[in-house]
Amino acid sequence: MSVDESGFVMREHIMRTDTENTIVTIVIELRGEIDIQASLTLTPRTDRLVAGQPLDLVVDLRAVTFLDGGGLRLLDRIQDRAVARGGELRIVRGAARVMRVFRPACAERDFTFLDGLPTGPGQDDGRPPCAIGVV
């Protein structure tokens, strides 16, 4: 399903489940400008995604062109809700201009970042969570 409003898109799909079918990996692909206006629209949708069983969530920022504090708060909310239900959130790094928003708030330490989509639940690229690759 997608949400398409004012220059942003959200698509989600199930990537895979673990062999016991206890953890589902859902990829949330964000595109365009993820600002306060986008977060107001996206928050109810992401809340519904996280409301059920424990999830392995991956938010893909590679197609995001702009991210501000509103977008950062959205990611923080997704993570808080996922962890409260026994899941986790990992974020696929976007462009350097998008990743810069994480630095002033030292938010890079609050999230786990990946260079690309994982191949399964709980797999990452081996880099420490705070290595977001911005210059």
N, C-alpha and C. Protein backbone atom coordinates (compact mmCIF):
# COMPACT_ATOMS: atom_id res chain seq x y z
N MET A 1 0.85 -1.17 0.00
CA MET A 1 0.00 0.00 0.00
C MET A 1 0.89 1.23 0.00
N SER A 2 0.40 2.31 -0.55
CA SER A 2 1.16 3.55 -0.60
C SER A 2 0.33 4.71 -0.09
N VAL A 3 1.05 5.69 0.36
CA VAL A 3 0.45 6.98 0.67
C VAL A 3 1.15 7.95 -0.25
N ASP A 4 0.42 8.75 -0.98
CA ASP A 4 1.06 9.68 -1.90
C ASP A 4 0.45 11.06 -1.67
N GLU A 5 1.16 11.90 -0.97
CA GLU A 5 0.69 13.23 -0.62
C GLU A 5 1.84 14.22 -0.74
N SER A 6 1.61 15.35 -1.34
CA SER A 6 2.54 16.48 -1.29
C SER A 6 4.02 16.13 -1.41
N GLY A 7 4.39 15.35 -2.38
CA GLY A 7 5.80 15.12 -2.63
C GLY A 7 6.44 13.99 -1.86
N PHE A 8 5.67 13.09 -1.27
CA PHE A 8 6.28 11.94 -0.61
C PHE A 8 5.46 10.69 -0.90
N VAL A 9 6.12 9.55 -0.78
CA VAL A 9 5.48 8.25 -1.00
C VAL A 9 5.97 7.30 0.07
N MET A 10 5.09 6.45 0.56
CA MET A 10 5.47 5.37 1.46
C MET A 10 4.92 4.08 0.89
N ARG A 11 5.80 3.10 0.73
CA ARG A 11 5.37 1.76 0.32
C ARG A 11 5.94 0.78 1.32
N GLU A 12 5.17 -0.23 1.64
CA GLU A 12 5.71 -1.25 2.52
C GLU A 12 5.47 -2.62 1.90
N HIS A 13 6.35 -3.55 2.16
CA HIS A 13 6.17 -4.92 1.71
C HIS A 13 6.87 -5.88 2.67
N ILE A 14 6.38 -7.10 2.71
CA ILE A 14 7.01 -8.12 3.53
C ILE A 14 8.19 -8.67 2.76
N MET A 15 9.35 -8.63 3.39
CA MET A 15 10.55 -9.14 2.75
C MET A 15 10.67 -10.64 2.95
N ARG A 16 10.55 -11.10 4.19
CA ARG A 16 10.55 -12.52 4.49
C ARG A 16 10.25 -12.72 5.96
N THR A 17 9.98 -13.95 6.33
CA THR A 17 9.82 -14.28 7.73
C THR A 17 10.91 -15.25 8.11
N ASP A 18 11.14 -15.38 9.40
CA ASP A 18 12.12 -16.37 9.84
C ASP A 18 11.52 -17.77 9.71
N THR A 19 12.30 -18.80 9.92
CA THR A 19 11.84 -20.17 9.69
C THR A 19 10.71 -20.58 10.63
N GLU A 20 10.63 -19.98 11.80
CA GLU A 20 9.55 -20.30 12.73
C GLU A 20 8.32 -19.41 12.52
N ASN A 21 8.41 -18.49 11.56
CA ASN A 21 7.31 -17.56 11.28
C ASN A 21 6.91 -16.74 12.49
N THR A 22 7.89 -16.41 13.35
CA THR A 22 7.58 -15.58 14.52
C THR A 22 7.96 -14.13 14.29
N ILE A 23 8.85 -13.87 13.34
CA ILE A 23 9.26 -12.50 13.05
C ILE A 23 9.07 -12.23 11.56
N VAL A 24 8.39 -11.16 11.27
CA VAL A 24 8.16 -10.74 9.89
C VAL A 24 9.05 -9.54 9.62
N THR A 25 9.72 -9.54 8.47
CA THR A 25 10.50 -8.37 8.07
C THR A 25 9.64 -7.53 7.15
N ILE A 26 9.42 -6.29 7.54
CA ILE A 26 8.67 -5.36 6.70
C ILE A 26 9.61 -4.24 6.30
N VAL A 27 9.67 -3.99 5.00
CA VAL A 27 10.47 -2.88 4.48
C VAL A 27 9.52 -1.72 4.21
N ILE A 28 9.83 -0.57 4.80
CA ILE A 28 9.08 0.66 4.55
C ILE A 28 9.97 1.52 3.68
N GLU A 29 9.56 1.70 2.45
CA GLU A 29 10.34 2.51 1.50
C GLU A 29 9.75 3.91 1.46
N LEU A 30 10.55 4.88 1.86
CA LEU A 30 10.11 6.28 1.82
C LEU A 30 10.75 6.97 0.62
N ARG A 31 10.00 7.86 -0.01
CA ARG A 31 10.49 8.61 -1.17
C ARG A 31 10.07 10.06 -1.03
N GLY A 32 10.92 10.95 -1.53
CA GLY A 32 10.58 12.36 -1.57
C GLY A 32 10.93 13.08 -0.28
N GLU A 33 10.12 14.07 0.07
CA GLU A 33 10.36 14.92 1.22
C GLU A 33 9.62 14.39 2.45
N ILE A 34 10.39 14.01 3.46
CA ILE A 34 9.80 13.50 4.70
C ILE A 34 9.99 14.59 5.75
N ASP A 35 8.98 15.43 5.84
CA ASP A 35 9.02 16.58 6.75
C ASP A 35 7.86 16.47 7.73
N ILE A 36 7.60 17.53 8.46
CA ILE A 36 6.54 17.51 9.47
C ILE A 36 5.18 17.21 8.83
N GLN A 37 4.92 17.76 7.66
CA GLN A 37 3.64 17.51 6.99
C GLN A 37 3.51 16.04 6.59
N ALA A 38 4.57 15.49 6.03
CA ALA A 38 4.55 14.07 5.66
C ALA A 38 4.39 13.19 6.89
N SER A 39 5.08 13.55 7.97
CA SER A 39 5.01 12.71 9.17
C SER A 39 3.60 12.70 9.76
N LEU A 40 2.86 13.81 9.64
CA LEU A 40 1.48 13.84 10.13
C LEU A 40 0.61 12.84 9.38
N THR A 41 0.88 12.66 8.09
CA THR A 41 0.13 11.70 7.29
C THR A 41 0.63 10.28 7.50
N LEU A 42 1.94 10.12 7.62
CA LEU A 42 2.53 8.79 7.72
C LEU A 42 2.41 8.15 9.10
N THR A 43 2.32 8.95 10.15
CA THR A 43 2.30 8.40 11.51
C THR A 43 1.17 7.39 11.73
N PRO A 44 -0.08 7.67 11.36
CA PRO A 44 -1.13 6.67 11.58
C PRO A 44 -0.86 5.37 10.81
N ARG A 45 -0.32 5.49 9.62
CA ARG A 45 -0.03 4.30 8.80
C ARG A 45 1.07 3.46 9.44
N THR A 46 2.14 4.10 9.88
CA THR A 46 3.24 3.35 10.49
C THR A 46 2.81 2.78 11.84
N ASP A 47 1.96 3.50 12.57
CA ASP A 47 1.45 2.98 13.84
C ASP A 47 0.69 1.67 13.61
N ARG A 48 -0.12 1.61 12.56
CA ARG A 48 -0.86 0.38 12.26
C ARG A 48 0.08 -0.76 11.90
N LEU A 49 1.15 -0.46 11.17
CA LEU A 49 2.11 -1.50 10.79
C LEU A 49 2.77 -2.13 12.01
N VAL A 50 3.06 -1.34 13.01
CA VAL A 50 3.82 -1.79 14.17
C VAL A 50 2.91 -2.35 15.26
N ALA A 51 1.61 -2.22 15.12
CA ALA A 51 0.68 -2.55 16.20
C ALA A 51 0.57 -4.03 16.52
N GLY A 52 0.95 -4.91 15.64
CA GLY A 52 0.73 -6.34 15.87
C GLY A 52 1.90 -7.07 16.49
N GLN A 53 2.27 -8.15 15.85
CA GLN A 53 3.34 -9.03 16.35
C GLN A 53 4.70 -8.35 16.28
N PRO A 54 5.71 -8.95 16.93
CA PRO A 54 7.06 -8.39 16.83
C PRO A 54 7.51 -8.33 15.37
N LEU A 55 8.06 -7.21 14.99
CA LEU A 55 8.47 -7.00 13.60
C LEU A 55 9.94 -6.64 13.51
N ASP A 56 10.53 -7.07 12.43
CA ASP A 56 11.85 -6.62 12.02
C ASP A 56 11.55 -5.55 10.97
N LEU A 57 11.66 -4.29 11.34
CA LEU A 57 11.34 -3.20 10.42
C LEU A 57 12.61 -2.63 9.81
N VAL A 58 12.54 -2.38 8.52
CA VAL A 58 13.63 -1.73 7.81
C VAL A 58 13.03 -0.53 7.10
N VAL A 59 13.51 0.67 7.42
CA VAL A 59 13.06 1.88 6.72
C VAL A 59 14.16 2.25 5.74
N ASP A 60 13.79 2.30 4.47
CA ASP A 60 14.73 2.58 3.38
C ASP A 60 14.66 4.07 3.04
N LEU A 61 15.75 4.79 3.30
CA LEU A 61 15.81 6.24 3.03
C LEU A 61 16.51 6.57 1.72
N ARG A 62 16.88 5.59 0.91
CA ARG A 62 17.68 5.85 -0.29
C ARG A 62 16.98 6.77 -1.29
N ALA A 63 15.66 6.77 -1.33
CA ALA A 63 14.94 7.62 -2.28
C ALA A 63 14.40 8.90 -1.64
N VAL A 64 14.78 9.16 -0.40
CA VAL A 64 14.33 10.39 0.28
C VAL A 64 15.21 11.54 -0.17
N THR A 65 14.58 12.66 -0.52
CA THR A 65 15.32 13.84 -0.98
C THR A 65 15.49 14.89 0.11
N PHE A 66 14.65 14.82 1.15
CA PHE A 66 14.71 15.79 2.24
C PHE A 66 14.17 15.13 3.50
N LEU A 67 14.84 15.35 4.62
CA LEU A 67 14.39 14.84 5.91
C LEU A 67 14.65 15.93 6.94
N ASP A 68 13.62 16.27 7.72
CA ASP A 68 13.81 17.28 8.77
C ASP A 68 13.48 16.67 10.13
N GLY A 69 13.36 17.53 11.13
CA GLY A 69 13.07 17.07 12.48
C GLY A 69 11.76 16.29 12.57
N GLY A 70 10.78 16.65 11.75
CA GLY A 70 9.52 15.90 11.73
C GLY A 70 9.73 14.48 11.26
N GLY A 71 10.56 14.31 10.25
CA GLY A 71 10.88 12.97 9.77
C GLY A 71 11.67 12.18 10.79
N LEU A 72 12.58 12.86 11.47
CA LEU A 72 13.37 12.22 12.52
C LEU A 72 12.48 11.75 13.67
N ARG A 73 11.51 12.58 14.04
CA ARG A 73 10.56 12.18 15.09
C ARG A 73 9.73 10.98 14.65
N LEU A 74 9.36 10.93 13.37
CA LEU A 74 8.62 9.78 12.85
C LEU A 74 9.45 8.50 13.01
N LEU A 75 10.73 8.55 12.63
CA LEU A 75 11.60 7.38 12.77
C LEU A 75 11.75 6.98 14.23
N ASP A 76 11.87 7.95 15.11
CA ASP A 76 12.00 7.67 16.53
C ASP A 76 10.73 7.00 17.06
N ARG A 77 9.59 7.47 16.62
CA ARG A 77 8.31 6.88 17.05
C ARG A 77 8.19 5.44 16.56
N ILE A 78 8.55 5.20 15.30
CA ILE A 78 8.50 3.84 14.75
C ILE A 78 9.39 2.92 15.59
N GLN A 79 10.59 3.39 15.89
CA GLN A 79 11.51 2.56 16.67
C GLN A 79 10.97 2.28 18.07
N ASP A 80 10.49 3.31 18.75
CA ASP A 80 9.96 3.13 20.11
C ASP A 80 8.84 2.10 20.12
N ARG A 81 7.94 2.19 19.17
CA ARG A 81 6.80 1.27 19.12
C ARG A 81 7.23 -0.14 18.76
N ALA A 82 8.17 -0.27 17.84
CA ALA A 82 8.66 -1.60 17.46
C ALA A 82 9.35 -2.28 18.64
N VAL A 83 10.22 -1.56 19.32
CA VAL A 83 10.96 -2.13 20.46
C VAL A 83 10.00 -2.51 21.59
N ALA A 84 8.99 -1.69 21.82
CA ALA A 84 8.01 -1.98 22.88
C ALA A 84 7.26 -3.28 22.61
N ARG A 85 7.21 -3.70 21.36
CA ARG A 85 6.51 -4.94 20.99
C ARG A 85 7.48 -6.08 20.69
N GLY A 86 8.75 -5.90 21.08
CA GLY A 86 9.72 -6.97 20.90
C GLY A 86 10.37 -7.02 19.53
N GLY A 87 10.21 -5.97 18.74
CA GLY A 87 10.82 -5.93 17.41
C GLY A 87 12.01 -5.00 17.38
N GLU A 88 12.44 -4.66 16.18
CA GLU A 88 13.55 -3.73 16.02
C GLU A 88 13.37 -2.93 14.74
N LEU A 89 14.08 -1.81 14.67
CA LEU A 89 14.08 -0.96 13.49
C LEU A 89 15.52 -0.80 13.03
N ARG A 90 15.72 -0.95 11.72
CA ARG A 90 17.00 -0.63 11.10
C ARG A 90 16.70 0.30 9.93
N ILE A 91 17.64 1.19 9.66
CA ILE A 91 17.44 2.21 8.63
C ILE A 91 18.50 2.06 7.56
N VAL A 92 18.06 1.99 6.29
CA VAL A 92 18.99 1.99 5.17
C VAL A 92 19.35 3.44 4.89
N ARG A 93 20.64 3.73 4.93
CA ARG A 93 21.14 5.10 4.77
C ARG A 93 20.66 5.72 3.45
N GLY A 94 20.35 7.01 3.56
CA GLY A 94 20.02 7.80 2.39
C GLY A 94 21.23 8.62 1.96
N ALA A 95 20.98 9.59 1.10
CA ALA A 95 22.03 10.49 0.63
C ALA A 95 22.60 11.30 1.80
N ALA A 96 23.81 11.79 1.63
CA ALA A 96 24.49 12.55 2.69
C ALA A 96 23.65 13.72 3.18
N ARG A 97 22.97 14.42 2.28
CA ARG A 97 22.16 15.58 2.69
C ARG A 97 20.99 15.14 3.56
N VAL A 98 20.50 13.93 3.38
CA VAL A 98 19.42 13.40 4.21
C VAL A 98 19.97 12.95 5.56
N MET A 99 21.13 12.32 5.55
CA MET A 99 21.71 11.78 6.77
C MET A 99 22.21 12.86 7.72
N ARG A 100 22.45 14.05 7.22
CA ARG A 100 22.95 15.15 8.07
C ARG A 100 22.01 15.49 9.21
N VAL A 101 20.72 15.26 9.03
CA VAL A 101 19.76 15.61 10.08
C VAL A 101 19.99 14.79 11.35
N PHE A 102 20.64 13.65 11.23
CA PHE A 102 20.89 12.81 12.40
C PHE A 102 22.02 13.35 13.28
N ARG A 103 22.92 14.13 12.70
CA ARG A 103 24.11 14.57 13.44
C ARG A 103 23.85 15.58 14.56
N PRO A 104 23.15 16.70 14.33
CA PRO A 104 23.00 17.69 15.40
C PRO A 104 22.36 17.13 16.67
N ALA A 105 21.44 16.21 16.52
CA ALA A 105 20.76 15.64 17.68
C ALA A 105 21.49 14.41 18.23
N CYS A 106 22.65 14.09 17.65
CA CYS A 106 23.39 12.87 18.02
C CYS A 106 22.50 11.65 17.86
N ALA A 107 21.53 11.74 16.97
CA ALA A 107 20.57 10.66 16.79
C ALA A 107 21.18 9.44 16.12
N GLU A 108 22.37 9.59 15.52
CA GLU A 108 22.98 8.42 14.88
C GLU A 108 23.23 7.31 15.89
N ARG A 109 23.37 7.65 17.16
CA ARG A 109 23.59 6.63 18.19
C ARG A 109 22.28 5.93 18.58
N ASP A 110 21.17 6.50 18.23
CA ASP A 110 19.87 5.94 18.61
C ASP A 110 19.33 4.92 17.62
N PHE A 111 19.92 4.86 16.44
CA PHE A 111 19.41 3.99 15.38
C PHE A 111 20.50 3.04 14.89
N THR A 112 20.06 1.95 14.28
CA THR A 112 20.97 1.03 13.60
C THR A 112 20.85 1.30 12.11
N PHE A 113 21.97 1.59 11.47
CA PHE A 113 21.99 1.94 10.05
C PHE A 113 22.61 0.82 9.22
N LEU A 114 22.08 0.67 8.01
CA LEU A 114 22.57 -0.30 7.04
C LEU A 114 22.94 0.42 5.76
N ASP A 115 23.84 -0.19 4.98
CA ASP A 115 24.20 0.37 3.67
C ASP A 115 23.23 -0.07 2.58
N GLY A 116 22.51 -1.15 2.79
CA GLY A 116 21.56 -1.66 1.81
C GLY A 116 20.55 -2.54 2.52
N LEU A 117 19.62 -3.09 1.76
CA LEU A 117 18.61 -3.94 2.36
C LEU A 117 19.25 -5.23 2.88
N PRO A 118 18.84 -5.69 4.05
CA PRO A 118 19.37 -6.94 4.59
C PRO A 118 18.80 -8.12 3.82
N THR A 119 19.45 -9.26 3.96
CA THR A 119 18.96 -10.46 3.29
C THR A 119 18.01 -11.27 4.15
N GLY A 120 17.87 -10.88 5.41
CA GLY A 120 16.95 -11.59 6.29
C GLY A 120 16.83 -10.90 7.64
N PRO A 121 15.95 -11.40 8.50
CA PRO A 121 15.75 -10.79 9.81
C PRO A 121 17.03 -10.74 10.62
N GLY A 122 17.28 -9.60 11.24
CA GLY A 122 18.41 -9.46 12.14
C GLY A 122 19.76 -9.34 11.48
N GLN A 123 19.84 -9.38 10.16
CA GLN A 123 21.13 -9.30 9.48
C GLN A 123 21.44 -7.86 9.16
N ASP A 124 22.71 -7.49 9.32
CA ASP A 124 23.11 -6.14 8.99
C ASP A 124 24.42 -6.17 8.23
N ASP A 125 24.98 -5.02 8.03
CA ASP A 125 26.20 -4.93 7.22
C ASP A 125 27.47 -4.98 8.07
N GLY A 126 27.34 -5.24 9.37
CA GLY A 126 28.50 -5.38 10.22
C GLY A 126 29.10 -4.08 10.72
N ARG A 127 28.58 -2.94 10.32
CA ARG A 127 29.11 -1.66 10.77
C ARG A 127 28.45 -1.27 12.08
N PRO A 128 29.16 -0.51 12.91
CA PRO A 128 28.54 -0.09 14.17
C PRO A 128 27.35 0.82 13.91
N PRO A 129 26.36 0.82 14.82
CA PRO A 129 25.15 1.59 14.61
C PRO A 129 25.37 3.08 14.37
N CYS A 130 26.43 3.67 14.90
CA CYS A 130 26.59 5.11 14.76
C CYS A 130 27.39 5.49 13.52
N ALA A 131 27.78 4.55 12.69
CA ALA A 131 28.56 4.88 11.50
C ALA A 131 27.60 5.13 10.34
N ILE A 132 27.23 6.40 10.13
CA ILE A 132 26.23 6.70 9.12
C ILE A 132 26.82 7.16 7.81
N GLY A 133 28.11 7.25 7.71
CA GLY A 133 28.76 7.52 6.44
C GLY A 133 28.54 8.89 5.86
N VAL A 134 28.49 9.93 6.67
CA VAL A 134 28.38 11.27 6.14
C VAL A 134 29.70 12.00 6.35
N VAL A 135 29.98 12.93 5.45
CA VAL A 135 31.23 13.69 5.53
C VAL A 135 30.99 15.01 6.22
